[in-house]
Amino acid sequence: WHRQFPGNQRELVAGISTIGRTNYAD
């Protein structure tokens, strides 16, 4: 999942990798 604020680029919010590892924005 990504999100985009007005006037900004998309940023990563959270992801699940090909090996099932999750990561989150701080």
PDB file of all heavy atoms in Angstrom:
ATOM      1  N   TRP A   1       0.865  -1.174   0.000  1.00  0.00           N
ATOM      2  CA  TRP A   1       0.000   0.000   0.000  1.00  0.00           C
ATOM      3  C   TRP A   1       0.905   1.227   0.000  1.00  0.00           C
ATOM      4  O   TRP A   1       1.867   1.305   0.761  1.00  0.00           O
ATOM      5  CB  TRP A   1      -0.898   0.020   1.230  1.00  0.00           C
ATOM      6  CG  TRP A   1      -1.997  -0.988   1.190  1.00  0.00           C
ATOM      7  CD1 TRP A   1      -1.969  -2.254   1.683  1.00  0.00           C
ATOM      8  CD2 TRP A   1      -3.298  -0.813   0.623  1.00  0.00           C
ATOM      9  NE1 TRP A   1      -3.165  -2.883   1.458  1.00  0.00           N
ATOM     10  CE2 TRP A   1      -3.995  -2.018   0.821  1.00  0.00           C
ATOM     11  CE3 TRP A   1      -3.946   0.241  -0.017  1.00  0.00           C
ATOM     12  CZ2 TRP A   1      -5.310  -2.191   0.381  1.00  0.00           C
ATOM     13  CZ3 TRP A   1      -5.248   0.075  -0.440  1.00  0.00           C
ATOM     14  CH2 TRP A   1      -5.929  -1.135  -0.245  1.00  0.00           C
ATOM     15  N   HIS A   2       0.551   2.185  -0.822  1.00  0.00           N
ATOM     16  CA  HIS A   2       1.227   3.472  -0.857  1.00  0.00           C
ATOM     17  C   HIS A   2       0.187   4.557  -0.612  1.00  0.00           C
ATOM     18  O   HIS A   2      -1.015   4.321  -0.686  1.00  0.00           O
ATOM     19  CB  HIS A   2       1.867   3.709  -2.231  1.00  0.00           C
ATOM     20  CG  HIS A   2       3.033   2.827  -2.534  1.00  0.00           C
ATOM     21  ND1 HIS A   2       2.924   1.486  -2.770  1.00  0.00           N
ATOM     22  CD2 HIS A   2       4.356   3.119  -2.646  1.00  0.00           C
ATOM     23  CE1 HIS A   2       4.119   0.973  -3.020  1.00  0.00           C
ATOM     24  NE2 HIS A   2       5.002   1.943  -2.947  1.00  0.00           N
ATOM     25  N   ARG A   3       0.662   5.764  -0.341  1.00  0.00           N
ATOM     26  CA  ARG A   3      -0.250   6.895  -0.231  1.00  0.00           C
ATOM     27  C   ARG A   3       0.397   8.121  -0.841  1.00  0.00           C
ATOM     28  O   ARG A   3       1.626   8.206  -0.948  1.00  0.00           O
ATOM     29  CB  ARG A   3      -0.658   7.156   1.218  1.00  0.00           C
ATOM     30  CG  ARG A   3       0.457   7.574   2.144  1.00  0.00           C
ATOM     31  CD  ARG A   3      -0.073   7.644   3.576  1.00  0.00           C
ATOM     32  NE  ARG A   3       0.969   8.007   4.533  1.00  0.00           N
ATOM     33  CZ  ARG A   3       0.801   8.027   5.857  1.00  0.00           C
ATOM     34  NH1 ARG A   3      -0.384   7.693   6.370  1.00  0.00           N
ATOM     35  NH2 ARG A   3       1.791   8.367   6.647  1.00  0.00           N
ATOM     36  N   GLN A   4      -0.437   9.040  -1.238  1.00  0.00           N
ATOM     37  CA  GLN A   4       0.040  10.252  -1.887  1.00  0.00           C
ATOM     38  C   GLN A   4      -0.658  11.451  -1.286  1.00  0.00           C
ATOM     39  O   GLN A   4      -1.892  11.534  -1.269  1.00  0.00           O
ATOM     40  CB  GLN A   4      -0.228  10.181  -3.390  1.00  0.00           C
ATOM     41  CG  GLN A   4       0.374  11.313  -4.185  1.00  0.00           C
ATOM     42  CD  GLN A   4       0.334  11.040  -5.677  1.00  0.00           C
ATOM     43  OE1 GLN A   4      -0.377  10.147  -6.157  1.00  0.00           O
ATOM     44  NE2 GLN A   4       1.111  11.797  -6.440  1.00  0.00           N
ATOM     45  N   PHE A   5       0.166  12.378  -0.803  1.00  0.00           N
ATOM     46  CA  PHE A   5      -0.340  13.642  -0.288  1.00  0.00           C
ATOM     47  C   PHE A   5      -0.382  14.637  -1.440  1.00  0.00           C
ATOM     48  O   PHE A   5       0.383  14.530  -2.406  1.00  0.00           O
ATOM     49  CB  PHE A   5       0.548  14.167   0.826  1.00  0.00           C
ATOM     50  CG  PHE A   5       0.748  13.197   1.954  1.00  0.00           C
ATOM     51  CD1 PHE A   5       1.964  12.551   2.129  1.00  0.00           C
ATOM     52  CD2 PHE A   5      -0.277  12.926   2.842  1.00  0.00           C
ATOM     53  CE1 PHE A   5       2.149  11.655   3.163  1.00  0.00           C
ATOM     54  CE2 PHE A   5      -0.106  12.023   3.881  1.00  0.00           C
ATOM     55  CZ  PHE A   5       1.117  11.387   4.042  1.00  0.00           C
ATOM     56  N   PRO A   6      -1.266  15.644  -1.370  1.00  0.00           N
ATOM     57  CA  PRO A   6      -1.348  16.625  -2.457  1.00  0.00           C
ATOM     58  C   PRO A   6      -0.011  17.263  -2.783  1.00  0.00           C
ATOM     59  O   PRO A   6       0.682  17.736  -1.879  1.00  0.00           O
ATOM     60  CB  PRO A   6      -2.340  17.655  -1.916  1.00  0.00           C
ATOM     61  CG  PRO A   6      -3.175  16.896  -0.943  1.00  0.00           C
ATOM     62  CD  PRO A   6      -2.249  15.892  -0.316  1.00  0.00           C
ATOM     63  N   GLY A   7       0.389  17.212  -4.041  1.00  0.00           N
ATOM     64  CA  GLY A   7       1.635  17.831  -4.467  1.00  0.00           C
ATOM     65  C   GLY A   7       2.875  17.018  -4.191  1.00  0.00           C
ATOM     66  O   GLY A   7       3.984  17.451  -4.496  1.00  0.00           O
ATOM     67  N   ASN A   8       2.709  15.838  -3.616  1.00  0.00           N
ATOM     68  CA  ASN A   8       3.869  15.009  -3.278  1.00  0.00           C
ATOM     69  C   ASN A   8       3.867  13.699  -4.063  1.00  0.00           C
ATOM     70  O   ASN A   8       2.862  13.310  -4.645  1.00  0.00           O
ATOM     71  CB  ASN A   8       3.886  14.692  -1.787  1.00  0.00           C
ATOM     72  CG  ASN A   8       4.133  15.914  -0.935  1.00  0.00           C
ATOM     73  OD1 ASN A   8       4.656  16.907  -1.412  1.00  0.00           O
ATOM     74  ND2 ASN A   8       3.739  15.828   0.313  1.00  0.00           N
ATOM     75  N   GLN A   9       5.011  13.038  -4.030  1.00  0.00           N
ATOM     76  CA  GLN A   9       5.099  11.719  -4.635  1.00  0.00           C
ATOM     77  C   GLN A   9       4.455  10.677  -3.730  1.00  0.00           C
ATOM     78  O   GLN A   9       4.239  10.914  -2.541  1.00  0.00           O
ATOM     79  CB  GLN A   9       6.567  11.359  -4.874  1.00  0.00           C
ATOM     80  CG  GLN A   9       7.244  12.194  -5.938  1.00  0.00           C
ATOM     81  CD  GLN A   9       8.664  11.737  -6.186  1.00  0.00           C
ATOM     82  OE1 GLN A   9       9.312  11.183  -5.304  1.00  0.00           O
ATOM     83  NE2 GLN A   9       9.157  11.963  -7.385  1.00  0.00           N
ATOM     84  N   ARG A  10       4.182   9.529  -4.299  1.00  0.00           N
ATOM     85  CA  ARG A  10       3.652   8.446  -3.487  1.00  0.00           C
ATOM     86  C   ARG A  10       4.735   7.936  -2.553  1.00  0.00           C
ATOM     87  O   ARG A  10       5.906   7.861  -2.923  1.00  0.00           O
ATOM     88  CB  ARG A  10       3.164   7.307  -4.384  1.00  0.00           C
ATOM     89  CG  ARG A  10       1.948   7.661  -5.195  1.00  0.00           C
ATOM     90  CD  ARG A  10       1.478   6.526  -6.070  1.00  0.00           C
ATOM     91  NE  ARG A  10       0.480   7.001  -7.011  1.00  0.00           N
ATOM     92  CZ  ARG A  10      -0.092   6.244  -7.932  1.00  0.00           C
ATOM     93  NH1 ARG A  10       0.230   4.961  -8.037  1.00  0.00           N
ATOM     94  NH2 ARG A  10      -0.992   6.773  -8.739  1.00  0.00           N
ATOM     95  N   GLU A  11       4.299   7.559  -1.354  1.00  0.00           N
ATOM     96  CA  GLU A  11       5.233   6.977  -0.410  1.00  0.00           C
ATOM     97  C   GLU A  11       4.712   5.621   0.033  1.00  0.00           C
ATOM     98  O   GLU A  11       3.501   5.386   0.110  1.00  0.00           O
ATOM     99  CB  GLU A  11       5.426   7.883   0.812  1.00  0.00           C
ATOM    100  CG  GLU A  11       4.189   8.083   1.661  1.00  0.00           C
ATOM    101  CD  GLU A  11       4.464   8.887   2.917  1.00  0.00           C
ATOM    102  OE1 GLU A  11       5.354   9.749   2.893  1.00  0.00           O
ATOM    103  OE2 GLU A  11       3.792   8.620   3.937  1.00  0.00           O
ATOM    104  N   LEU A  12       5.652   4.737   0.335  1.00  0.00           N
ATOM    105  CA  LEU A  12       5.283   3.405   0.797  1.00  0.00           C
ATOM    106  C   LEU A  12       4.721   3.493   2.198  1.00  0.00           C
ATOM    107  O   LEU A  12       5.311   4.109   3.081  1.00  0.00           O
ATOM    108  CB  LEU A  12       6.505   2.486   0.777  1.00  0.00           C
ATOM    109  CG  LEU A  12       6.273   1.075   1.311  1.00  0.00           C
ATOM    110  CD1 LEU A  12       5.352   0.294   0.384  1.00  0.00           C
ATOM    111  CD2 LEU A  12       7.616   0.352   1.468  1.00  0.00           C
ATOM    112  N   VAL A  13       3.580   2.852   2.411  1.00  0.00           N
ATOM    113  CA  VAL A  13       2.974   2.772   3.728  1.00  0.00           C
ATOM    114  C   VAL A  13       3.297   1.422   4.362  1.00  0.00           C
ATOM    115  O   VAL A  13       3.741   1.342   5.505  1.00  0.00           O
ATOM    116  CB  VAL A  13       1.448   2.954   3.638  1.00  0.00           C
ATOM    117  CG1 VAL A  13       0.809   2.770   5.003  1.00  0.00           C
ATOM    118  CG2 VAL A  13       1.114   4.323   3.064  1.00  0.00           C
ATOM    119  N   ALA A  14       3.057   0.354   3.618  1.00  0.00           N
ATOM    120  CA  ALA A  14       3.277  -0.995   4.134  1.00  0.00           C
ATOM    121  C   ALA A  14       3.412  -1.951   2.964  1.00  0.00           C
ATOM    122  O   ALA A  14       2.832  -1.725   1.901  1.00  0.00           O
ATOM    123  CB  ALA A  14       2.129  -1.425   5.036  1.00  0.00           C
ATOM    124  N   GLY A  15       4.155  -3.033   3.170  1.00  0.00           N
ATOM    125  CA  GLY A  15       4.335  -4.004   2.111  1.00  0.00           C
ATOM    126  C   GLY A  15       4.576  -5.395   2.652  1.00  0.00           C
ATOM    127  O   GLY A  15       4.972  -5.571   3.812  1.00  0.00           O
ATOM    128  N   ILE A  16       4.312  -6.367   1.815  1.00  0.00           N
ATOM    129  CA  ILE A  16       4.649  -7.763   2.102  1.00  0.00           C
ATOM    130  C   ILE A  16       5.503  -8.244   0.938  1.00  0.00           C
ATOM    131  O   ILE A  16       5.061  -8.223  -0.214  1.00  0.00           O
ATOM    132  CB  ILE A  16       3.406  -8.657   2.246  1.00  0.00           C
ATOM    133  CG1 ILE A  16       2.503  -8.155   3.373  1.00  0.00           C
ATOM    134  CG2 ILE A  16       3.825 -10.098   2.514  1.00  0.00           C
ATOM    135  CD1 ILE A  16       1.239  -8.981   3.573  1.00  0.00           C
ATOM    136  N   SER A  17       6.709  -8.680   1.235  1.00  0.00           N
ATOM    137  CA  SER A  17       7.663  -9.069   0.191  1.00  0.00           C
ATOM    138  C   SER A  17       7.335 -10.452  -0.366  1.00  0.00           C
ATOM    139  O   SER A  17       6.436 -11.146   0.113  1.00  0.00           O
ATOM    140  CB  SER A  17       9.081  -9.058   0.757  1.00  0.00           C
ATOM    141  OG  SER A  17       9.254 -10.172   1.650  1.00  0.00           O
ATOM    142  N   THR A  18       8.109 -10.854  -1.360  1.00  0.00           N
ATOM    143  CA  THR A  18       7.903 -12.155  -1.990  1.00  0.00           C
ATOM    144  C   THR A  18       8.123 -13.309  -1.018  1.00  0.00           C
ATOM    145  O   THR A  18       7.598 -14.406  -1.221  1.00  0.00           O
ATOM    146  CB  THR A  18       8.840 -12.325  -3.184  1.00  0.00           C
ATOM    147  OG1 THR A  18      10.192 -12.129  -2.748  1.00  0.00           O
ATOM    148  CG2 THR A  18       8.528 -11.305  -4.269  1.00  0.00           C
ATOM    149  N   ILE A  19       8.874 -13.065   0.044  1.00  0.00           N
ATOM    150  CA  ILE A  19       9.114 -14.122   1.035  1.00  0.00           C
ATOM    151  C   ILE A  19       8.248 -13.920   2.274  1.00  0.00           C
ATOM    152  O   ILE A  19       8.479 -14.557   3.303  1.00  0.00           O
ATOM    153  CB  ILE A  19      10.608 -14.189   1.435  1.00  0.00           C
ATOM    154  CG1 ILE A  19      11.081 -12.858   2.013  1.00  0.00           C
ATOM    155  CG2 ILE A  19      11.453 -14.601   0.234  1.00  0.00           C
ATOM    156  CD1 ILE A  19      12.487 -12.920   2.596  1.00  0.00           C
ATOM    157  N   GLY A  20       7.257 -13.042   2.154  1.00  0.00           N
ATOM    158  CA  GLY A  20       6.301 -12.888   3.237  1.00  0.00           C
ATOM    159  C   GLY A  20       6.709 -11.945   4.349  1.00  0.00           C
ATOM    160  O   GLY A  20       6.048 -11.887   5.391  1.00  0.00           O
ATOM    161  N   ARG A  21       7.782 -11.208   4.145  1.00  0.00           N
ATOM    162  CA  ARG A  21       8.229 -10.277   5.181  1.00  0.00           C
ATOM    163  C   ARG A  21       7.462  -8.966   5.058  1.00  0.00           C
ATOM    164  O   ARG A  21       7.313  -8.426   3.974  1.00  0.00           O
ATOM    165  CB  ARG A  21       9.727 -10.023   5.037  1.00  0.00           C
ATOM    166  CG  ARG A  21      10.323  -9.131   6.104  1.00  0.00           C
ATOM    167  CD  ARG A  21      11.835  -9.149   5.991  1.00  0.00           C
ATOM    168  NE  ARG A  21      12.369 -10.483   6.229  1.00  0.00           N
ATOM    169  CZ  ARG A  21      13.635 -10.815   6.047  1.00  0.00           C
ATOM    170  NH1 ARG A  21      14.508  -9.914   5.616  1.00  0.00           N
ATOM    171  NH2 ARG A  21      14.040 -12.043   6.285  1.00  0.00           N
ATOM    172  N   THR A  22       6.996  -8.459   6.181  1.00  0.00           N
ATOM    173  CA  THR A  22       6.252  -7.200   6.176  1.00  0.00           C
ATOM    174  C   THR A  22       7.165  -6.045   6.560  1.00  0.00           C
ATOM    175  O   THR A  22       8.126  -6.219   7.320  1.00  0.00           O
ATOM    176  CB  THR A  22       5.072  -7.239   7.145  1.00  0.00           C
ATOM    177  OG1 THR A  22       5.551  -7.524   8.461  1.00  0.00           O
ATOM    178  CG2 THR A  22       4.065  -8.303   6.756  1.00  0.00           C
ATOM    179  N   ASN A  23       6.864  -4.887   6.034  1.00  0.00           N
ATOM    180  CA  ASN A  23       7.576  -3.671   6.434  1.00  0.00           C
ATOM    181  C   ASN A  23       6.599  -2.516   6.431  1.00  0.00           C
ATOM    182  O   ASN A  23       5.607  -2.522   5.687  1.00  0.00           O
ATOM    183  CB  ASN A  23       8.767  -3.392   5.512  1.00  0.00           C
ATOM    184  CG  ASN A  23       8.361  -3.100   4.090  1.00  0.00           C
ATOM    185  OD1 ASN A  23       7.861  -3.967   3.392  1.00  0.00           O
ATOM    186  ND2 ASN A  23       8.544  -1.862   3.661  1.00  0.00           N
ATOM    187  N   TYR A  24       6.874  -1.562   7.292  1.00  0.00           N
ATOM    188  CA  TYR A  24       5.989  -0.423   7.475  1.00  0.00           C
ATOM    189  C   TYR A  24       6.780   0.876   7.507  1.00  0.00           C
ATOM    190  O   TYR A  24       7.914   0.907   7.986  1.00  0.00           O
ATOM    191  CB  TYR A  24       5.211  -0.556   8.797  1.00  0.00           C
ATOM    192  CG  TYR A  24       4.262  -1.728   8.840  1.00  0.00           C
ATOM    193  CD1 TYR A  24       4.680  -2.960   9.330  1.00  0.00           C
ATOM    194  CD2 TYR A  24       2.944  -1.601   8.393  1.00  0.00           C
ATOM    195  CE1 TYR A  24       3.812  -4.044   9.368  1.00  0.00           C
ATOM    196  CE2 TYR A  24       2.075  -2.678   8.428  1.00  0.00           C
ATOM    197  CZ  TYR A  24       2.511  -3.888   8.916  1.00  0.00           C
ATOM    198  OH  TYR A  24       1.644  -4.964   8.953  1.00  0.00           O
ATOM    199  N   ALA A  25       6.146   1.925   7.043  1.00  0.00           N
ATOM    200  CA  ALA A  25       6.721   3.249   7.232  1.00  0.00           C
ATOM    201  C   ALA A  25       6.746   3.549   8.724  1.00  0.00           C
ATOM    202  O   ALA A  25       5.843   3.137   9.466  1.00  0.00           O
ATOM    203  CB  ALA A  25       5.894   4.294   6.491  1.00  0.00           C
ATOM    204  N   ASP A  26       7.759   4.256   9.164  1.00  0.00           N
ATOM    205  CA  ASP A  26       7.878   4.576  10.589  1.00  0.00           C
ATOM    206  C   ASP A  26       6.641   5.300  11.107  1.00  0.00           C
ATOM    207  O   ASP A  26       6.227   5.101  12.250  1.00  0.00           O
ATOM    208  CB  ASP A  26       9.111   5.441  10.835  1.00  0.00           C
ATOM    209  CG  ASP A  26      10.403   4.655  10.687  1.00  0.00           C
ATOM    210  OD1 ASP A  26      10.366   3.416  10.728  1.00  0.00           O
ATOM    211  OD2 ASP A  26      11.462   5.299  10.528  1.00  0.00           O
TER     212      ASP A  26
END
